[in-house]
């Protein structure tokens, strides 16, 4: 135990230890692939958001949407981006606003604007 405490203090002093006690980790959106076959598309969605300066938590594990909603709430993320087969076939994703529960379909190219408008609203 003492060893881990010393290591974590050293990392903290060097600024290499993330602040896990923050209620809001500064995450703009959580991206979830509903199927393992959609993981590549989910990575593209996350990359699109990150390229626009958004902070994203990408979930590639096999998780249910209900789990992802709770995960996003724990992180303080206002948005859940869900990558489903139907949306991906159209070049889109589902964007769920957690505060209101509303969900809209958004084309991948329009995703940064959709997430940004919710973040600032």
Foldseek 3Di string as FASTA:
>chain_A
DVVVVVVVVVCVVVVNDDDPPDQASQAQEEEEEQDLVCLVVSVLLCVLQVVVVGHYHYDNDNDDVVVVLVVCNSNVHQWYWYDYPVLVVVQWIWIAGSVVRDIDIDHSNCNNVVSVVSVVD
